[in-house]
Amino acid sequence: MKDYQQKKMKNHVLPQPVYRQALWAVKDLLRLKARLGELRMEAYVPGERNLLITCSGYGTGYVCDVTGNKATEIANLSRRIDAIVSAFDAVPEQYRKGIEDKLIYDVPYSDDYHPNTWKRWQQVFIFNVAKNLQIM
């Protein structure tokens, strides 16, 4: 796997498991956005019933808060997506599209810049993703 950290960038080196979690969180961004779109569409469907939802039990009664469960999931997905997208702020504008294409769409880096430059800014981006997702 060619997704590795440059050890000379000591300020942005993460433990290997943290680096992998942040990297795969970025690679999962398309699915997260699709799921968020589905949940937002479902939020406007009146009278929707789902019998497979999780319910909290207390004594002999159960409370099933479908709206609360959907709202919580929407909030969690939105927070995760925002954490990943806001990590691009640490990367100069000219490298953002290339890093996005490489990590999310698996498109090779262009020849516009040296490969080490791409790797350096990719590492800064992944570091900020880990920091924003609080997995450091």
N, C-alpha and C. Protein backbone atom coordinates (compact mmCIF):
# COMPACT_ATOMS: atom_id res chain seq x y z
N MET A 1 0.85 -1.18 0.00
CA MET A 1 0.00 0.00 0.00
C MET A 1 0.89 1.24 0.00
N LYS A 2 0.60 2.18 -0.87
CA LYS A 2 1.46 3.36 -1.01
C LYS A 2 1.03 4.52 -0.12
N ASP A 3 0.02 4.34 0.70
CA ASP A 3 -0.41 5.39 1.61
C ASP A 3 0.38 5.26 2.90
N TYR A 4 1.46 6.01 2.98
CA TYR A 4 2.31 5.92 4.16
C TYR A 4 2.64 7.33 4.64
N GLN A 5 3.22 7.40 5.84
CA GLN A 5 3.57 8.68 6.41
C GLN A 5 5.04 8.97 6.17
N GLN A 6 5.36 10.22 5.99
CA GLN A 6 6.74 10.63 5.87
C GLN A 6 7.26 10.91 7.28
N LYS A 7 8.22 10.15 7.71
CA LYS A 7 8.73 10.22 9.09
C LYS A 7 9.43 11.54 9.39
N LYS A 8 9.92 12.21 8.34
CA LYS A 8 10.63 13.47 8.58
C LYS A 8 9.68 14.60 8.98
N MET A 9 8.38 14.43 8.76
CA MET A 9 7.40 15.44 9.17
C MET A 9 6.93 15.11 10.59
N LYS A 10 7.81 15.30 11.56
CA LYS A 10 7.57 14.84 12.93
C LYS A 10 6.31 15.44 13.56
N ASN A 11 5.94 16.64 13.18
CA ASN A 11 4.75 17.28 13.74
C ASN A 11 3.45 16.65 13.25
N HIS A 12 3.52 15.91 12.15
CA HIS A 12 2.31 15.35 11.55
C HIS A 12 2.33 13.82 11.46
N VAL A 13 3.20 13.18 12.22
CA VAL A 13 3.25 11.72 12.23
C VAL A 13 2.27 11.20 13.26
N LEU A 14 1.44 10.28 12.83
CA LEU A 14 0.42 9.67 13.69
C LEU A 14 0.80 8.22 13.96
N PRO A 15 0.30 7.66 15.06
CA PRO A 15 0.44 6.21 15.22
C PRO A 15 -0.24 5.51 14.04
N GLN A 16 0.32 4.41 13.61
CA GLN A 16 -0.17 3.73 12.40
C GLN A 16 -1.67 3.42 12.45
N PRO A 17 -2.23 2.89 13.57
CA PRO A 17 -3.68 2.63 13.59
C PRO A 17 -4.52 3.90 13.44
N VAL A 18 -4.06 5.00 14.03
CA VAL A 18 -4.79 6.26 13.92
C VAL A 18 -4.74 6.77 12.48
N TYR A 19 -3.56 6.67 11.87
CA TYR A 19 -3.41 7.09 10.48
C TYR A 19 -4.35 6.30 9.57
N ARG A 20 -4.42 4.99 9.78
CA ARG A 20 -5.28 4.14 8.94
C ARG A 20 -6.76 4.48 9.17
N GLN A 21 -7.15 4.73 10.41
CA GLN A 21 -8.55 5.09 10.69
C GLN A 21 -8.92 6.38 9.97
N ALA A 22 -8.05 7.38 10.05
CA ALA A 22 -8.32 8.66 9.40
C ALA A 22 -8.36 8.50 7.88
N LEU A 23 -7.44 7.71 7.35
CA LEU A 23 -7.40 7.47 5.91
C LEU A 23 -8.69 6.81 5.43
N TRP A 24 -9.14 5.79 6.14
CA TRP A 24 -10.35 5.09 5.72
C TRP A 24 -11.61 5.91 5.99
N ALA A 25 -11.56 6.81 6.94
CA ALA A 25 -12.69 7.72 7.14
C ALA A 25 -12.85 8.61 5.91
N VAL A 26 -11.73 9.07 5.36
CA VAL A 26 -11.76 9.89 4.15
C VAL A 26 -12.26 9.07 2.96
N LYS A 27 -11.77 7.83 2.83
CA LYS A 27 -12.19 6.98 1.72
C LYS A 27 -13.67 6.62 1.80
N ASP A 28 -14.26 6.73 2.98
CA ASP A 28 -15.67 6.41 3.20
C ASP A 28 -16.59 7.62 3.01
N LEU A 29 -16.03 8.75 2.62
CA LEU A 29 -16.79 10.00 2.55
C LEU A 29 -17.98 9.93 1.60
N LEU A 30 -17.84 9.30 0.45
CA LEU A 30 -18.96 9.21 -0.50
C LEU A 30 -20.14 8.46 0.10
N ARG A 31 -19.86 7.34 0.78
CA ARG A 31 -20.92 6.57 1.40
C ARG A 31 -21.60 7.36 2.52
N LEU A 32 -20.81 8.09 3.30
CA LEU A 32 -21.38 8.90 4.37
C LEU A 32 -22.31 9.98 3.82
N LYS A 33 -21.89 10.63 2.74
CA LYS A 33 -22.73 11.67 2.13
C LYS A 33 -24.01 11.07 1.55
N ALA A 34 -23.91 9.89 0.94
CA ALA A 34 -25.10 9.23 0.40
C ALA A 34 -26.06 8.86 1.52
N ARG A 35 -25.54 8.31 2.60
CA ARG A 35 -26.39 7.93 3.74
C ARG A 35 -27.05 9.15 4.37
N LEU A 36 -26.31 10.25 4.47
CA LEU A 36 -26.88 11.48 5.02
C LEU A 36 -28.01 11.99 4.13
N GLY A 37 -27.83 11.92 2.82
CA GLY A 37 -28.89 12.32 1.90
C GLY A 37 -30.13 11.46 2.05
N GLU A 38 -29.94 10.14 2.20
CA GLU A 38 -31.08 9.24 2.42
C GLU A 38 -31.83 9.59 3.70
N LEU A 39 -31.08 9.81 4.76
CA LEU A 39 -31.72 10.13 6.04
C LEU A 39 -32.48 11.45 5.98
N ARG A 40 -31.93 12.42 5.29
CA ARG A 40 -32.61 13.71 5.17
C ARG A 40 -33.89 13.58 4.35
N MET A 41 -33.87 12.73 3.33
CA MET A 41 -35.08 12.51 2.54
C MET A 41 -36.14 11.78 3.37
N GLU A 42 -35.70 10.78 4.15
CA GLU A 42 -36.64 10.04 5.00
C GLU A 42 -37.23 10.92 6.09
N ALA A 43 -36.53 11.95 6.49
CA ALA A 43 -37.00 12.81 7.57
C ALA A 43 -38.28 13.55 7.20
N TYR A 44 -38.52 13.70 5.89
CA TYR A 44 -39.70 14.43 5.44
C TYR A 44 -40.84 13.54 5.00
N VAL A 45 -40.71 12.22 5.22
CA VAL A 45 -41.78 11.30 4.86
C VAL A 45 -42.71 11.16 6.06
N PRO A 46 -43.97 11.61 5.94
CA PRO A 46 -44.87 11.53 7.08
C PRO A 46 -45.38 10.10 7.31
N GLY A 47 -45.57 9.75 8.57
CA GLY A 47 -46.19 8.48 8.92
C GLY A 47 -45.33 7.28 8.65
N GLU A 48 -44.03 7.46 8.54
CA GLU A 48 -43.13 6.34 8.27
C GLU A 48 -42.99 5.48 9.52
N ARG A 49 -43.12 4.18 9.37
CA ARG A 49 -43.00 3.24 10.48
C ARG A 49 -41.87 2.26 10.18
N ASN A 50 -41.05 2.03 11.17
CA ASN A 50 -39.98 1.05 11.04
C ASN A 50 -40.02 0.17 12.28
N LEU A 51 -40.35 -1.08 12.12
CA LEU A 51 -40.48 -1.97 13.27
C LEU A 51 -39.15 -2.57 13.70
N LEU A 52 -38.10 -2.30 12.99
CA LEU A 52 -36.80 -2.86 13.34
C LEU A 52 -35.90 -1.87 14.06
N ILE A 53 -36.45 -0.79 14.59
CA ILE A 53 -35.64 0.20 15.27
C ILE A 53 -35.31 -0.26 16.68
N THR A 54 -34.28 0.35 17.24
CA THR A 54 -33.92 0.01 18.60
C THR A 54 -34.80 0.80 19.56
N CYS A 55 -35.23 0.13 20.60
CA CYS A 55 -36.10 0.75 21.59
C CYS A 55 -35.43 0.65 22.95
N SER A 56 -35.70 1.62 23.81
CA SER A 56 -35.19 1.55 25.17
C SER A 56 -36.29 1.02 26.07
N GLY A 57 -35.90 0.10 26.89
CA GLY A 57 -36.88 -0.49 27.80
C GLY A 57 -36.68 -0.02 29.23
N TYR A 58 -37.78 0.20 29.90
CA TYR A 58 -37.74 0.55 31.31
C TYR A 58 -38.91 -0.18 31.97
N GLY A 59 -38.60 -1.12 32.81
CA GLY A 59 -39.67 -1.89 33.44
C GLY A 59 -40.37 -2.73 32.39
N THR A 60 -41.69 -2.56 32.28
CA THR A 60 -42.45 -3.31 31.29
C THR A 60 -42.77 -2.50 30.04
N GLY A 61 -42.34 -1.25 30.01
CA GLY A 61 -42.64 -0.39 28.86
C GLY A 61 -41.42 -0.16 27.99
N TYR A 62 -41.68 0.15 26.74
CA TYR A 62 -40.62 0.44 25.78
C TYR A 62 -40.89 1.79 25.15
N VAL A 63 -39.81 2.53 24.92
CA VAL A 63 -39.92 3.82 24.26
C VAL A 63 -39.14 3.73 22.95
N CYS A 64 -39.83 4.00 21.86
CA CYS A 64 -39.21 4.00 20.54
C CYS A 64 -39.31 5.40 19.96
N ASP A 65 -38.19 6.07 19.92
CA ASP A 65 -38.16 7.43 19.41
C ASP A 65 -37.52 7.44 18.02
N VAL A 66 -38.35 7.21 17.02
CA VAL A 66 -37.87 7.14 15.64
C VAL A 66 -37.26 8.47 15.22
N THR A 67 -37.95 9.55 15.51
CA THR A 67 -37.46 10.87 15.13
C THR A 67 -36.15 11.19 15.83
N GLY A 68 -36.07 10.86 17.10
CA GLY A 68 -34.84 11.11 17.85
C GLY A 68 -33.68 10.29 17.33
N ASN A 69 -33.94 9.02 16.99
CA ASN A 69 -32.89 8.16 16.45
C ASN A 69 -32.38 8.70 15.11
N LYS A 70 -33.30 9.13 14.24
CA LYS A 70 -32.88 9.68 12.94
C LYS A 70 -32.12 10.99 13.12
N ALA A 71 -32.60 11.82 14.03
CA ALA A 71 -31.93 13.10 14.28
C ALA A 71 -30.51 12.88 14.81
N THR A 72 -30.35 11.91 15.68
CA THR A 72 -29.03 11.60 16.22
C THR A 72 -28.10 11.10 15.12
N GLU A 73 -28.61 10.22 14.27
CA GLU A 73 -27.78 9.70 13.19
C GLU A 73 -27.41 10.80 12.19
N ILE A 74 -28.36 11.68 11.89
CA ILE A 74 -28.08 12.80 10.99
C ILE A 74 -27.02 13.70 11.60
N ALA A 75 -27.14 13.99 12.89
CA ALA A 75 -26.16 14.85 13.56
C ALA A 75 -24.77 14.21 13.58
N ASN A 76 -24.70 12.92 13.85
CA ASN A 76 -23.41 12.24 13.88
C ASN A 76 -22.76 12.20 12.49
N LEU A 77 -23.55 11.88 11.47
CA LEU A 77 -23.01 11.85 10.11
C LEU A 77 -22.56 13.25 9.67
N SER A 78 -23.37 14.25 9.98
CA SER A 78 -23.02 15.63 9.60
C SER A 78 -21.72 16.06 10.27
N ARG A 79 -21.56 15.72 11.55
CA ARG A 79 -20.35 16.07 12.28
C ARG A 79 -19.14 15.39 11.67
N ARG A 80 -19.28 14.12 11.33
CA ARG A 80 -18.17 13.36 10.75
C ARG A 80 -17.79 13.91 9.37
N ILE A 81 -18.78 14.20 8.53
CA ILE A 81 -18.52 14.76 7.21
C ILE A 81 -17.86 16.14 7.33
N ASP A 82 -18.38 16.98 8.22
CA ASP A 82 -17.80 18.31 8.41
C ASP A 82 -16.36 18.24 8.90
N ALA A 83 -16.07 17.26 9.76
CA ALA A 83 -14.71 17.10 10.27
C ALA A 83 -13.75 16.76 9.15
N ILE A 84 -14.19 15.91 8.23
CA ILE A 84 -13.32 15.51 7.12
C ILE A 84 -13.16 16.66 6.13
N VAL A 85 -14.26 17.29 5.77
CA VAL A 85 -14.22 18.37 4.78
C VAL A 85 -13.44 19.58 5.31
N SER A 86 -13.60 19.89 6.59
CA SER A 86 -12.90 21.06 7.14
C SER A 86 -11.40 20.82 7.26
N ALA A 87 -10.94 19.58 7.20
CA ALA A 87 -9.51 19.31 7.23
C ALA A 87 -8.82 19.82 5.96
N PHE A 88 -9.57 20.03 4.90
CA PHE A 88 -9.00 20.59 3.67
C PHE A 88 -8.53 22.03 3.86
N ASP A 89 -9.02 22.70 4.91
CA ASP A 89 -8.60 24.08 5.15
C ASP A 89 -7.12 24.19 5.46
N ALA A 90 -6.51 23.11 5.95
CA ALA A 90 -5.08 23.12 6.28
C ALA A 90 -4.20 22.91 5.05
N VAL A 91 -4.81 22.61 3.93
CA VAL A 91 -4.08 22.32 2.68
C VAL A 91 -4.24 23.50 1.74
N PRO A 92 -3.14 23.95 1.12
CA PRO A 92 -3.27 25.05 0.15
C PRO A 92 -4.25 24.70 -0.97
N GLU A 93 -4.91 25.70 -1.47
CA GLU A 93 -5.97 25.55 -2.46
C GLU A 93 -5.57 24.70 -3.68
N GLN A 94 -4.34 24.89 -4.18
CA GLN A 94 -3.95 24.21 -5.41
C GLN A 94 -3.79 22.70 -5.24
N TYR A 95 -3.70 22.19 -4.00
CA TYR A 95 -3.52 20.76 -3.78
C TYR A 95 -4.82 20.05 -3.37
N ARG A 96 -5.83 20.79 -3.02
CA ARG A 96 -7.06 20.20 -2.47
C ARG A 96 -7.74 19.24 -3.44
N LYS A 97 -7.93 19.65 -4.67
CA LYS A 97 -8.63 18.82 -5.65
C LYS A 97 -7.86 17.53 -5.92
N GLY A 98 -6.54 17.62 -6.03
CA GLY A 98 -5.72 16.44 -6.28
C GLY A 98 -5.77 15.45 -5.13
N ILE A 99 -5.72 15.95 -3.90
CA ILE A 99 -5.80 15.07 -2.73
C ILE A 99 -7.17 14.44 -2.62
N GLU A 100 -8.21 15.22 -2.89
CA GLU A 100 -9.57 14.69 -2.87
C GLU A 100 -9.73 13.59 -3.92
N ASP A 101 -9.26 13.84 -5.12
CA ASP A 101 -9.37 12.84 -6.19
C ASP A 101 -8.62 11.56 -5.83
N LYS A 102 -7.43 11.71 -5.26
CA LYS A 102 -6.60 10.55 -4.94
C LYS A 102 -7.23 9.71 -3.82
N LEU A 103 -7.63 10.36 -2.75
CA LEU A 103 -8.09 9.61 -1.58
C LEU A 103 -9.54 9.14 -1.68
N ILE A 104 -10.38 9.91 -2.31
CA ILE A 104 -11.80 9.57 -2.36
C ILE A 104 -12.14 8.79 -3.63
N TYR A 105 -11.62 9.24 -4.77
CA TYR A 105 -11.98 8.63 -6.05
C TYR A 105 -10.89 7.71 -6.61
N ASP A 106 -9.76 7.61 -5.91
CA ASP A 106 -8.64 6.75 -6.29
C ASP A 106 -8.07 7.10 -7.66
N VAL A 107 -8.00 8.39 -7.97
CA VAL A 107 -7.40 8.89 -9.20
C VAL A 107 -5.95 9.24 -8.89
N PRO A 108 -4.99 8.81 -9.70
CA PRO A 108 -3.57 9.13 -9.41
C PRO A 108 -3.33 10.64 -9.39
N TYR A 109 -2.31 11.02 -8.64
CA TYR A 109 -1.93 12.43 -8.60
C TYR A 109 -1.47 12.89 -9.98
N SER A 110 -1.71 14.14 -10.28
CA SER A 110 -1.27 14.69 -11.57
C SER A 110 0.24 14.96 -11.51
N ASP A 111 0.81 15.27 -12.65
CA ASP A 111 2.24 15.57 -12.73
C ASP A 111 2.52 17.05 -12.54
N ASP A 112 1.53 17.80 -12.09
CA ASP A 112 1.70 19.24 -11.90
C ASP A 112 2.73 19.56 -10.82
N TYR A 113 2.82 18.71 -9.79
CA TYR A 113 3.72 18.93 -8.67
C TYR A 113 4.52 17.66 -8.42
N HIS A 114 5.60 17.78 -7.73
CA HIS A 114 6.46 16.64 -7.40
C HIS A 114 5.69 15.67 -6.49
N PRO A 115 5.91 14.35 -6.64
CA PRO A 115 5.20 13.38 -5.79
C PRO A 115 5.40 13.60 -4.29
N ASN A 116 6.58 14.07 -3.89
CA ASN A 116 6.81 14.34 -2.46
C ASN A 116 5.95 15.49 -1.96
N THR A 117 5.68 16.45 -2.83
CA THR A 117 4.80 17.56 -2.45
C THR A 117 3.39 17.05 -2.20
N TRP A 118 2.91 16.18 -3.09
CA TRP A 118 1.58 15.59 -2.89
C TRP A 118 1.53 14.82 -1.58
N LYS A 119 2.55 14.01 -1.33
CA LYS A 119 2.58 13.18 -0.12
C LYS A 119 2.63 14.03 1.14
N ARG A 120 3.37 15.13 1.09
CA ARG A 120 3.46 16.01 2.25
C ARG A 120 2.10 16.61 2.59
N TRP A 121 1.40 17.13 1.58
CA TRP A 121 0.11 17.75 1.85
C TRP A 121 -0.96 16.72 2.16
N GLN A 122 -0.82 15.51 1.60
CA GLN A 122 -1.75 14.44 1.97
C GLN A 122 -1.58 14.10 3.46
N GLN A 123 -0.35 14.06 3.92
CA GLN A 123 -0.10 13.75 5.33
C GLN A 123 -0.65 14.84 6.24
N VAL A 124 -0.49 16.09 5.85
CA VAL A 124 -1.06 17.20 6.64
C VAL A 124 -2.58 17.06 6.69
N PHE A 125 -3.18 16.73 5.56
CA PHE A 125 -4.63 16.56 5.50
C PHE A 125 -5.09 15.42 6.41
N ILE A 126 -4.45 14.26 6.31
CA ILE A 126 -4.83 13.10 7.12
C ILE A 126 -4.65 13.42 8.61
N PHE A 127 -3.58 14.12 8.95
CA PHE A 127 -3.35 14.52 10.34
C PHE A 127 -4.51 15.36 10.85
N ASN A 128 -4.96 16.32 10.04
CA ASN A 128 -6.06 17.19 10.45
C ASN A 128 -7.39 16.44 10.50
N VAL A 129 -7.58 15.46 9.65
CA VAL A 129 -8.78 14.62 9.73
C VAL A 129 -8.80 13.90 11.07
N ALA A 130 -7.68 13.29 11.44
CA ALA A 130 -7.59 12.59 12.72
C ALA A 130 -7.84 13.52 13.89
N LYS A 131 -7.30 14.73 13.80
CA LYS A 131 -7.49 15.72 14.87
C LYS A 131 -8.96 16.14 14.95
N ASN A 132 -9.58 16.40 13.81
CA ASN A 132 -10.98 16.83 13.79
C ASN A 132 -11.94 15.72 14.24
N LEU A 133 -11.61 14.47 13.92
CA LEU A 133 -12.45 13.34 14.33
C LEU A 133 -12.14 12.90 15.76
N GLN A 134 -11.14 13.53 16.37
CA GLN A 134 -10.72 13.24 17.75
C GLN A 134 -10.36 11.77 17.94
N ILE A 135 -9.57 11.23 17.00
CA ILE A 135 -9.10 9.86 17.13
C ILE A 135 -7.61 9.81 17.39
N MET A 136 -7.01 10.94 17.68
CA MET A 136 -5.57 10.99 17.97
C MET A 136 -5.29 10.55 19.39
